[in-house]
Amino acid sequence: MQLTLTGPIEAFIQRQIAQGYKDGEEVTRQALLRWMAEDSETPPHIQSRLDEAASGRFIPSDRTNIERIVAAA
């Protein structure tokens, strides 16, 4: 199988190789294994980002703000 990479993904793989991964295939394999270890419907790192957001400081919402936004659309 052949994959086409975007510039940022290719740069990421090169950085990982520079940090000690054997080759691009190993970087890709590890990334896919991590992705598959998470919820099958959840992209990589989404759960950690959700956890970070859940532990953050939140201001209670005001329903009138939402109604004004909807009315303006």
C-alpha atoms as a PDB file:
ATOM      1  CA  MET A   1       0.000   0.000   0.000  1.00  0.00           C
ATOM      2  CA  GLN A   2       1.199   3.499  -0.743  1.00  0.00           C
ATOM      3  CA  LEU A   3       0.200   6.598   1.165  1.00  0.00           C
ATOM      4  CA  THR A   4       0.532  10.199   0.085  1.00  0.00           C
ATOM      5  CA  LEU A   5       1.566  12.550   2.868  1.00  0.00           C
ATOM      6  CA  THR A   6       0.949  16.231   3.328  1.00  0.00           C
ATOM      7  CA  GLY A   7       3.947  18.451   4.000  1.00  0.00           C
ATOM      8  CA  PRO A   8       3.266  18.814   7.745  1.00  0.00           C
ATOM      9  CA  ILE A   9       2.847  15.055   8.213  1.00  0.00           C
ATOM     10  CA  GLU A  10       6.025  14.350   6.287  1.00  0.00           C
ATOM     11  CA  ALA A  11       7.885  16.913   8.431  1.00  0.00           C
ATOM     12  CA  PHE A  12       6.503  15.253  11.578  1.00  0.00           C
ATOM     13  CA  ILE A  13       7.735  11.851  10.419  1.00  0.00           C
ATOM     14  CA  GLN A  14      11.182  13.282   9.686  1.00  0.00           C
ATOM     15  CA  ARG A  15      11.329  14.792  13.189  1.00  0.00           C
ATOM     16  CA  GLN A  16      10.372  11.445  14.712  1.00  0.00           C
ATOM     17  CA  ILE A  17      13.097   9.663  12.738  1.00  0.00           C
ATOM     18  CA  ALA A  18      15.593  12.276  13.967  1.00  0.00           C
ATOM     19  CA  GLN A  19      14.464  11.493  17.526  1.00  0.00           C
ATOM     20  CA  GLY A  20      15.188   7.791  17.168  1.00  0.00           C
ATOM     21  CA  TYR A  21      12.483   5.990  15.197  1.00  0.00           C
ATOM     22  CA  LYS A  22      13.895   3.442  12.744  1.00  0.00           C
ATOM     23  CA  ASP A  23      12.090   4.764   9.655  1.00  0.00           C
ATOM     24  CA  GLY A  24       8.889   6.338   8.358  1.00  0.00           C
ATOM     25  CA  GLU A  25       7.069   3.022   8.355  1.00  0.00           C
ATOM     26  CA  GLU A  26       7.733   2.603  12.078  1.00  0.00           C
ATOM     27  CA  VAL A  27       6.483   6.133  12.809  1.00  0.00           C
ATOM     28  CA  THR A  28       3.335   5.479  10.802  1.00  0.00           C
ATOM     29  CA  ARG A  29       2.755   2.089  12.438  1.00  0.00           C
ATOM     30  CA  GLN A  30       3.083   3.554  15.935  1.00  0.00           C
ATOM     31  CA  ALA A  31       0.762   6.459  15.088  1.00  0.00           C
ATOM     32  CA  LEU A  32      -1.896   4.129  13.707  1.00  0.00           C
ATOM     33  CA  LEU A  33      -1.613   1.789  16.701  1.00  0.00           C
ATOM     34  CA  ARG A  34      -2.157   4.725  19.068  1.00  0.00           C
ATOM     35  CA  TRP A  35      -5.113   5.883  17.012  1.00  0.00           C
ATOM     36  CA  MET A  36      -6.667   2.414  17.025  1.00  0.00           C
ATOM     37  CA  ALA A  37      -6.117   2.105  20.791  1.00  0.00           C
ATOM     38  CA  GLU A  38      -8.400   5.066  21.315  1.00  0.00           C
ATOM     39  CA  ASP A  39     -12.106   4.914  20.650  1.00  0.00           C
ATOM     40  CA  SER A  40     -12.541   3.717  17.070  1.00  0.00           C
ATOM     41  CA  GLU A  41     -14.596   6.811  16.259  1.00  0.00           C
ATOM     42  CA  THR A  42     -12.214   9.240  17.977  1.00  0.00           C
ATOM     43  CA  PRO A  43      -9.303  10.796  16.048  1.00  0.00           C
ATOM     44  CA  PRO A  44      -5.906  10.790  17.776  1.00  0.00           C
ATOM     45  CA  HIS A  45      -5.552  12.938  20.884  1.00  0.00           C
ATOM     46  CA  ILE A  46      -9.169  14.105  20.854  1.00  0.00           C
ATOM     47  CA  GLN A  47      -9.916  12.405  24.170  1.00  0.00           C
ATOM     48  CA  SER A  48      -6.916  14.045  25.828  1.00  0.00           C
ATOM     49  CA  ARG A  49      -8.046  17.428  24.493  1.00  0.00           C
ATOM     50  CA  LEU A  50     -11.567  16.803  25.800  1.00  0.00           C
ATOM     51  CA  ASP A  51     -10.119  15.866  29.191  1.00  0.00           C
ATOM     52  CA  GLU A  52      -8.073  19.078  29.221  1.00  0.00           C
ATOM     53  CA  ALA A  53     -11.160  21.108  28.372  1.00  0.00           C
ATOM     54  CA  ALA A  54     -13.198  19.376  31.077  1.00  0.00           C
ATOM     55  CA  SER A  55     -10.653  20.344  33.723  1.00  0.00           C
ATOM     56  CA  GLY A  56     -10.558  23.981  32.560  1.00  0.00           C
ATOM     57  CA  ARG A  57     -12.337  27.043  33.927  1.00  0.00           C
ATOM     58  CA  PHE A  58     -15.770  27.544  32.428  1.00  0.00           C
ATOM     59  CA  ILE A  59     -18.182  30.412  32.646  1.00  0.00           C
ATOM     60  CA  PRO A  60     -21.825  29.320  32.784  1.00  0.00           C
ATOM     61  CA  SER A  61     -23.600  29.984  29.506  1.00  0.00           C
ATOM     62  CA  ASP A  62     -26.421  32.423  29.092  1.00  0.00           C
ATOM     63  CA  ARG A  63     -29.261  31.201  26.889  1.00  0.00           C
ATOM     64  CA  THR A  64     -30.041  34.745  25.725  1.00  0.00           C
ATOM     65  CA  ASN A  65     -26.605  34.938  24.045  1.00  0.00           C
ATOM     66  CA  ILE A  66     -27.392  31.842  21.991  1.00  0.00           C
ATOM     67  CA  GLU A  67     -30.828  33.176  21.072  1.00  0.00           C
ATOM     68  CA  ARG A  68     -29.302  36.498  19.897  1.00  0.00           C
ATOM     69  CA  ILE A  69     -26.759  34.671  17.744  1.00  0.00           C
ATOM     70  CA  VAL A  70     -29.434  32.463  16.159  1.00  0.00           C
ATOM     71  CA  ALA A  71     -31.711  35.450  15.550  1.00  0.00           C
ATOM     72  CA  ALA A  72     -28.895  37.350  13.839  1.00  0.00           C
ATOM     73  CA  ALA A  73     -28.140  34.512  11.416  1.00  0.00           C
END
